[in-house]
Protein backbone atom coordinates (compact mmCIF):
# COMPACT_ATOMS: atom_id res chain seq x y z
CA MET A 1 0.00 0.00 0.00
CA GLN A 2 1.24 3.48 -0.85
CA VAL A 3 0.17 6.71 0.84
CA THR A 4 -0.50 10.01 -0.91
CA ARG A 5 -2.04 13.35 0.14
CA LEU A 6 -4.83 15.56 -1.11
CA SER A 7 -3.51 19.01 -2.08
CA SER A 8 -5.24 22.31 -1.29
CA LYS A 9 -6.47 22.28 -4.92
CA GLY A 10 -8.07 18.83 -4.53
CA GLN A 11 -5.31 17.07 -6.45
CA VAL A 12 -3.88 13.65 -5.63
CA ILE A 13 -0.61 12.27 -6.94
CA ILE A 14 -0.91 8.67 -8.09
CA PRO A 15 2.35 6.95 -7.13
CA LYS A 16 4.70 6.23 -10.04
CA ALA A 17 4.65 2.45 -9.48
CA LEU A 18 0.83 2.39 -9.82
CA ARG A 19 0.89 4.61 -12.93
CA ALA A 20 3.48 2.34 -14.51
CA ALA A 21 1.59 -0.83 -13.57
CA HIS A 22 -1.54 0.48 -15.29
CA HIS A 23 0.34 2.10 -18.21
CA TRP A 24 -1.10 5.53 -17.36
CA GLU A 25 0.81 8.43 -18.89
CA VAL A 26 0.57 12.20 -18.74
CA GLY A 27 -2.81 13.36 -20.03
CA GLN A 28 -4.57 10.05 -19.31
CA GLU A 29 -8.26 10.73 -18.75
CA LEU A 30 -9.72 8.94 -15.74
CA ILE A 31 -13.27 8.34 -14.58
CA ALA A 32 -13.85 8.85 -10.84
CA ILE A 33 -16.50 6.51 -9.41
CA ASP A 34 -17.90 6.90 -5.89
CA VAL A 35 -17.87 3.46 -4.24
CA GLY A 36 -19.18 4.51 -0.84
CA ASP A 37 -16.07 4.38 1.33
CA GLY A 38 -13.71 5.61 -1.40
CA ILE A 39 -13.22 6.53 -5.02
CA LEU A 40 -12.36 4.15 -7.85
CA LEU A 41 -10.31 5.59 -10.73
CA LYS A 42 -10.67 3.90 -14.10
CA PRO A 43 -9.20 4.91 -17.47
CA LYS A 44 -11.71 6.61 -19.74
CA LYS A 45 -12.27 4.54 -22.86
CA PRO A 46 -12.30 6.40 -26.20
CA PHE A 47 -15.64 4.83 -27.15
CA ALA A 48 -18.58 3.54 -25.16
CA GLU A 49 -18.41 -0.21 -24.55
CA THR A 50 -20.48 -2.25 -26.99
CA THR A 51 -21.17 -5.90 -27.60
CA LEU A 52 -20.60 -7.80 -30.83
CA ALA A 53 -24.37 -8.09 -31.27
CA GLN A 54 -24.66 -4.27 -31.22
CA VAL A 55 -22.14 -3.77 -34.03
CA ALA A 56 -22.49 -6.96 -36.08
CA GLY A 57 -25.07 -5.33 -38.35
CA CYS A 58 -22.38 -3.17 -39.93
CA LEU A 59 -20.61 -6.34 -41.09
CA SER A 60 -23.33 -7.52 -43.46
CA TYR A 61 -22.37 -7.97 -47.11
CA GLN A 62 -24.98 -7.66 -49.87
CA GLY A 63 -22.95 -8.83 -52.89
CA LYS A 64 -22.04 -12.27 -54.23
CA LEU A 65 -20.11 -14.34 -51.69
CA LYS A 66 -16.37 -14.60 -52.34
CA SER A 67 -14.46 -17.86 -52.27
CA LEU A 68 -11.36 -18.30 -50.15
CA ASP A 69 -9.24 -18.24 -53.32
CA GLU A 70 -10.82 -14.93 -54.35
CA LEU A 71 -10.15 -13.44 -50.91
CA GLU A 72 -6.51 -14.58 -50.93
CA ASP A 73 -6.05 -13.23 -54.46
CA ALA A 74 -7.45 -9.83 -53.45
CA ILE A 75 -5.09 -9.69 -50.46
CA ARG A 76 -2.15 -10.67 -52.69
CA GLN A 77 -3.03 -7.94 -55.19
CA GLY A 78 -3.33 -5.38 -52.41
CA VAL A 79 0.11 -6.25 -51.06
CA ILE A 80 1.66 -6.08 -54.54
CA GLN A 81 0.00 -2.69 -55.15
CA GLN A 82 1.16 -1.36 -51.78
CA TRP A 83 4.78 -2.32 -52.53
CA HIS A 84 4.50 -0.93 -56.06
CA ASP A 85 3.27 2.41 -54.71
CA ARG A 86 6.34 2.69 -52.45
CA SER A 87 8.75 2.48 -55.38
């Protein structure tokens, strides 16, 4: 357990070992949650949490189904084009 103090401005320093353990860096946004006898700090996520069922609709495909060979060929062509563009 590590001890820290509340400043006159209401600021608390999170000990370096805890910041490192959670990979929190300068500018990290945190959510403060009242848990009754204390406060829980959690990193703010860039997007609201969703389930696969909530987003699966955007994955639908209306065209003719592609075979595995067609998919692999498209990937191959994309890689060749990407390398060609770098020349």
